[in-house]
Amino acid sequence: MSWRRALLLPLLLWLVPVGRAQAEELEAFCVDRPGLGTPDCTIDSGHAAVELGLADWTHASDNGVRDDSLVIGELLLRYGLADHLEVQLGWDGLGFERERNAGATLHETGAGDLRLALRYGFGDPDTLSAAVMPFVTLPIGDDPVGAGEWTAGLILPVEYALPHGLELDFSGELDAAADADGAGNHSAYSATIGLGLPLGEQFVAAVELQASRDEDPLGGTGQLLGGVSLAWTPSRALQLDAGAVLGLGHDDPGIELYAGIARRF
């Protein structure tokens, strides 16, 4: 087998849709991507999902300093342990950062951390539903993606079904985040609100607003972000997505663009 065929075979297996009988037995495909918030839905018991961030580019510019970062290969593995309960293993991907300041250019490359999480969902998805999601990250990565210290947190997503297929989403998060100097942890918290907009049977768009606060000992910071995203689900087991995030505050990142893919097995 040639090297080209060896590279194409995993992609073809990824894209092959599941059988019709199997698809009819499963719930609608629950995907964490895209967007700023966190969904409350879980993967069907005994099934798995793989979510891959193909590329995530962020640009920021402040006082003559231009910073560009690119993350590729962000990976999330999800498995349904029981009805409404799933386990997650995530990796933050491989990051590349370039900073330009007064003619000088700095480059940095590093791998991200691992994240372990559980999600338990409850309620009625046709009306009001919610979930609890504790997580912990393991500091195996390096700058610019790795945090340099363990972190932990709790996410509380809530979804409310509106008429005409619209969906109102909220997720609150409280973290024990890593200090900027890697010497310990501090509190950080955020709130995200979004509106899901169905566009036919295969497309869903979303608009979101996120406010966050980080109480790092070296200096607390706050962010206000706006996001738009589009997800295309050509089958009940495959999703492709793209989105953009815009910093709405003076000190927030200028713009972020990303794209990814998800597959259920």
Protein backbone atom coordinates (compact mmCIF):
# COMPACT_ATOMS: atom_id res chain seq x y z
CA MET A 1 0.00 0.00 0.00
CA SER A 2 1.38 3.41 -0.97
CA TRP A 3 1.83 6.15 1.63
CA ARG A 4 -0.93 8.19 -0.02
CA ARG A 5 -3.44 5.36 0.40
CA ALA A 6 -2.29 4.84 3.97
CA LEU A 7 -3.06 8.49 4.75
CA LEU A 8 -6.42 8.49 2.95
CA LEU A 9 -7.76 5.29 4.53
CA PRO A 10 -8.33 6.71 8.07
CA LEU A 11 -10.08 9.76 6.59
CA LEU A 12 -12.37 7.58 4.46
CA LEU A 13 -13.25 5.42 7.46
CA TRP A 14 -13.99 8.60 9.45
CA LEU A 15 -16.38 9.92 6.79
CA VAL A 16 -18.27 6.68 6.10
CA PRO A 17 -21.74 7.16 7.62
CA VAL A 18 -23.17 4.70 10.14
CA GLY A 19 -25.87 2.33 8.97
CA ARG A 20 -29.46 3.53 8.75
CA ALA A 21 -30.72 1.07 11.35
CA GLN A 22 -28.08 2.11 13.88
CA ALA A 23 -28.66 5.82 13.26
CA GLU A 24 -32.40 5.46 13.87
CA GLU A 25 -31.76 3.94 17.31
CA LEU A 26 -29.62 6.84 18.52
CA GLU A 27 -30.51 10.27 19.81
CA ALA A 28 -29.61 13.38 17.82
CA PHE A 29 -25.85 13.80 17.59
CA CYS A 30 -24.66 15.73 20.64
CA VAL A 31 -21.48 17.70 19.83
CA ASP A 32 -19.44 20.03 22.04
CA ARG A 33 -18.23 21.99 19.02
CA PRO A 34 -18.55 24.77 17.96
CA GLY A 35 -18.98 27.88 20.10
CA LEU A 36 -17.98 29.50 23.37
CA GLY A 37 -20.47 27.71 25.60
CA THR A 38 -20.88 24.09 26.71
CA PRO A 39 -23.89 21.90 25.83
CA ASP A 40 -25.76 19.86 28.43
CA CYS A 41 -26.41 16.81 26.23
CA THR A 42 -24.49 13.53 26.47
CA ILE A 43 -23.41 10.74 24.12
CA ASP A 44 -25.62 7.63 23.98
CA SER A 45 -24.64 4.88 26.39
CA GLY A 46 -22.08 2.51 24.84
CA HIS A 47 -21.22 4.90 22.00
CA ALA A 48 -18.27 7.22 21.43
CA ALA A 49 -17.59 10.49 19.67
CA VAL A 50 -14.37 12.06 18.41
CA GLU A 51 -14.16 15.83 17.95
CA LEU A 52 -11.16 17.35 16.16
CA GLY A 53 -10.18 21.00 15.89
CA LEU A 54 -8.64 21.35 12.45
CA ALA A 55 -7.30 24.86 13.01
CA ASP A 56 -7.82 27.70 15.49
CA TRP A 57 -6.14 31.06 14.70
CA THR A 58 -6.15 34.05 17.05
CA HIS A 59 -4.84 37.56 16.35
CA ALA A 60 -4.29 40.35 18.88
CA SER A 61 -2.60 43.74 18.55
CA ASP A 62 -1.90 46.24 21.33
CA ASN A 63 0.53 49.18 21.61
CA GLY A 64 2.53 48.11 18.56
CA VAL A 65 2.79 44.47 19.68
CA ARG A 66 1.20 41.98 17.29
CA ASP A 67 0.52 38.45 18.48
CA ASP A 68 -0.66 35.59 16.24
CA SER A 69 -1.29 32.08 17.51
CA LEU A 70 -2.36 28.89 15.74
CA VAL A 71 -3.57 25.69 17.40
CA ILE A 72 -4.04 22.51 15.40
CA GLY A 73 -5.16 19.03 16.37
CA GLU A 74 -7.26 19.92 19.43
CA LEU A 75 -8.88 16.59 20.30
CA LEU A 76 -11.86 15.53 22.41
CA LEU A 77 -12.82 11.88 23.01
CA ARG A 78 -16.24 11.23 24.57
CA TYR A 79 -17.85 7.96 25.68
CA GLY A 80 -21.33 7.29 27.04
CA LEU A 81 -21.02 5.40 30.33
CA ALA A 82 -24.78 5.25 30.99
CA ASP A 83 -27.95 7.12 30.13
CA HIS A 84 -27.19 10.85 30.55
CA LEU A 85 -23.62 10.20 31.78
CA GLU A 86 -20.43 10.49 29.74
CA VAL A 87 -16.68 10.63 30.32
CA GLN A 88 -14.35 12.90 28.35
CA LEU A 89 -10.64 12.96 27.57
CA GLY A 90 -9.40 16.10 25.84
CA TRP A 91 -6.07 17.35 24.53
CA ASP A 92 -5.49 21.05 23.79
CA GLY A 93 -3.55 20.40 20.59
CA LEU A 94 -0.27 21.75 19.25
CA GLY A 95 0.22 25.51 19.44
CA PHE A 96 2.39 27.94 17.47
CA GLU A 97 2.77 31.56 18.55
CA ARG A 98 4.49 34.51 16.88
CA GLU A 99 4.96 37.85 18.60
CA ARG A 100 6.27 40.90 16.74
CA ASN A 101 7.40 44.01 18.61
CA ALA A 102 9.48 46.90 17.18
CA GLY A 103 11.02 44.73 14.49
CA ALA A 104 11.82 41.81 16.81
CA THR A 105 10.00 38.51 16.30
CA LEU A 106 9.61 35.76 18.87
CA HIS A 107 8.42 32.24 18.03
CA GLU A 108 7.12 29.65 20.46
CA THR A 109 5.81 26.12 19.92
CA GLY A 110 4.32 23.75 22.48
CA ALA A 111 1.80 20.99 23.11
CA GLY A 112 -1.32 21.39 25.22
CA ASP A 113 -2.53 19.81 28.45
CA LEU A 114 -4.85 16.84 28.98
CA ARG A 115 -8.33 17.28 30.43
CA LEU A 116 -10.50 14.65 32.15
CA ALA A 117 -14.20 15.38 32.65
CA LEU A 118 -17.54 13.84 33.52
CA ARG A 119 -20.90 15.18 32.37
CA TYR A 120 -24.26 14.22 33.84
CA GLY A 121 -27.36 15.60 32.17
CA PHE A 122 -30.91 15.80 33.47
CA GLY A 123 -34.24 17.39 32.62
CA ASP A 124 -36.36 17.35 29.47
CA PRO A 125 -34.47 18.28 26.26
CA ASP A 126 -37.78 19.28 24.65
CA THR A 127 -38.31 22.00 27.28
CA LEU A 128 -35.68 22.69 29.96
CA SER A 129 -32.55 20.63 30.56
CA ALA A 130 -29.24 21.05 32.39
CA ALA A 131 -26.03 19.26 33.34
CA VAL A 132 -23.16 19.27 35.80
CA MET A 133 -19.63 18.83 34.45
CA PRO A 134 -16.62 18.64 36.80
CA PHE A 135 -13.18 18.52 35.16
CA VAL A 136 -9.46 18.50 35.92
CA THR A 137 -6.50 19.21 33.64
CA LEU A 138 -3.12 17.52 33.79
CA PRO A 139 -0.15 19.84 33.04
CA ILE A 140 1.69 17.77 30.46
CA GLY A 141 2.00 20.63 27.95
CA ASP A 142 4.27 23.59 27.32
CA ASP A 143 3.86 27.25 26.38
CA PRO A 144 2.01 28.71 24.55
CA VAL A 145 -0.84 26.19 25.00
CA GLY A 146 -0.07 24.44 28.29
CA ALA A 147 -1.07 26.08 31.58
CA GLY A 148 2.05 24.94 33.47
CA GLU A 149 0.03 23.78 36.50
CA TRP A 150 -2.96 21.54 37.20
CA THR A 151 -6.38 23.16 37.01
CA ALA A 152 -9.89 22.07 37.95
CA GLY A 153 -13.37 23.43 37.56
CA LEU A 154 -17.10 22.96 37.33
CA ILE A 155 -19.34 23.84 34.37
CA LEU A 156 -23.12 24.16 34.67
CA PRO A 157 -24.85 24.24 31.25
CA VAL A 158 -28.58 24.94 30.85
CA GLU A 159 -30.66 24.78 27.66
CA TYR A 160 -34.19 26.03 27.11
CA ALA A 161 -36.17 25.08 24.01
CA LEU A 162 -38.00 27.98 22.37
CA PRO A 163 -40.71 27.93 19.67
CA HIS A 164 -39.79 27.37 16.01
CA GLY A 165 -36.75 25.26 16.86
CA LEU A 166 -34.84 28.07 18.56
CA GLU A 167 -32.73 27.26 21.62
CA LEU A 168 -31.53 29.49 24.44
CA ASP A 169 -28.29 28.30 26.04
CA PHE A 170 -26.46 29.32 29.19
CA SER A 171 -23.31 27.92 30.78
CA GLY A 172 -21.59 29.10 33.93
CA GLU A 173 -18.06 28.03 34.84
CA LEU A 174 -15.95 28.29 38.00
CA ASP A 175 -12.27 27.29 37.83
CA ALA A 176 -9.22 26.88 39.98
CA ALA A 177 -7.01 28.27 37.21
CA ALA A 178 -3.22 28.13 37.01
CA ASP A 179 -1.27 31.22 38.09
CA ALA A 180 0.57 32.98 35.28
CA ASP A 181 3.91 32.21 36.96
CA GLY A 182 3.00 28.51 37.36
CA ALA A 183 3.35 28.69 41.16
CA GLY A 184 -0.22 27.87 42.18
CA ASN A 185 -3.90 28.39 41.45
CA HIS A 186 -6.48 31.13 41.66
CA SER A 187 -10.18 31.59 40.94
CA ALA A 188 -11.58 32.33 37.49
CA TYR A 189 -15.18 32.36 36.36
CA SER A 190 -17.28 32.97 33.25
CA ALA A 191 -20.85 33.11 31.99
CA THR A 192 -21.91 32.41 28.41
CA ILE A 193 -25.32 32.97 26.84
CA GLY A 194 -26.22 31.91 23.32
CA LEU A 195 -29.07 31.51 20.87
CA GLY A 196 -29.24 28.55 18.49
CA LEU A 197 -30.85 29.20 15.11
CA PRO A 198 -31.83 26.22 12.92
CA LEU A 199 -31.28 26.81 9.19
CA GLY A 200 -33.07 23.92 7.54
CA GLU A 201 -32.56 20.28 8.54
CA GLN A 202 -28.75 20.13 8.36
CA PHE A 203 -27.48 23.56 9.44
CA VAL A 204 -27.53 25.30 12.82
CA ALA A 205 -26.14 28.77 13.46
CA ALA A 206 -25.46 30.30 16.87
CA VAL A 207 -24.69 33.71 18.31
CA GLU A 208 -23.08 33.98 21.75
CA LEU A 209 -21.85 36.45 24.33
CA GLN A 210 -19.33 35.53 27.04
CA ALA A 211 -18.13 37.51 30.05
CA SER A 212 -15.22 36.21 32.13
CA ARG A 213 -12.99 37.24 35.01
CA ASP A 214 -9.56 35.88 35.97
CA GLU A 215 -8.19 36.73 39.43
CA ASP A 216 -4.51 35.99 38.76
CA PRO A 217 -2.23 37.25 41.58
CA LEU A 218 -0.10 39.10 39.03
CA GLY A 219 -3.13 41.12 37.95
CA GLY A 220 -6.82 40.37 37.50
CA THR A 221 -8.29 40.62 34.01
CA GLY A 222 -11.73 40.52 32.46
CA GLN A 223 -12.92 39.71 28.96
CA LEU A 224 -16.06 40.24 26.94
CA LEU A 225 -16.32 38.13 23.79
CA GLY A 226 -18.90 37.77 21.05
CA GLY A 227 -19.10 34.70 18.85
CA VAL A 228 -20.88 33.36 15.77
CA SER A 229 -20.72 29.79 14.51
CA LEU A 230 -22.22 27.45 11.93
CA ALA A 231 -22.52 23.67 12.15
CA TRP A 232 -23.38 21.38 9.22
CA THR A 233 -24.62 17.86 9.99
CA PRO A 234 -24.80 15.94 6.70
CA SER A 235 -25.64 12.72 8.58
CA ARG A 236 -26.70 11.76 12.10
CA ALA A 237 -23.11 10.79 12.92
CA LEU A 238 -21.01 13.52 11.26
CA GLN A 239 -20.67 17.28 11.81
CA LEU A 240 -18.44 19.96 10.30
CA ASP A 241 -18.23 23.42 11.81
CA ALA A 242 -16.65 26.86 11.60
CA GLY A 243 -16.84 29.96 13.75
CA ALA A 244 -15.46 33.33 14.69
CA VAL A 245 -14.92 35.10 18.02
CA LEU A 246 -14.47 38.86 18.40
CA GLY A 247 -13.04 40.63 21.43
CA LEU A 248 -15.45 43.38 22.50
CA GLY A 249 -13.22 44.98 25.13
CA HIS A 250 -10.06 47.06 24.76
CA ASP A 251 -7.76 44.37 26.20
CA ASP A 252 -9.50 41.38 24.60
CA PRO A 253 -8.04 39.32 21.70
CA GLY A 254 -8.89 40.96 18.38
CA ILE A 255 -10.32 38.01 16.44
CA GLU A 256 -10.36 34.23 16.47
CA LEU A 257 -11.26 31.95 13.55
CA TYR A 258 -11.64 28.17 13.82
CA ALA A 259 -12.95 25.06 12.07
CA GLY A 260 -13.43 21.45 13.10
CA ILE A 261 -15.10 18.11 12.58
CA ALA A 262 -16.91 15.58 14.81
CA ARG A 263 -17.83 11.92 14.29
CA ARG A 264 -19.97 9.51 16.32
CA PHE A 265 -19.22 5.79 16.46
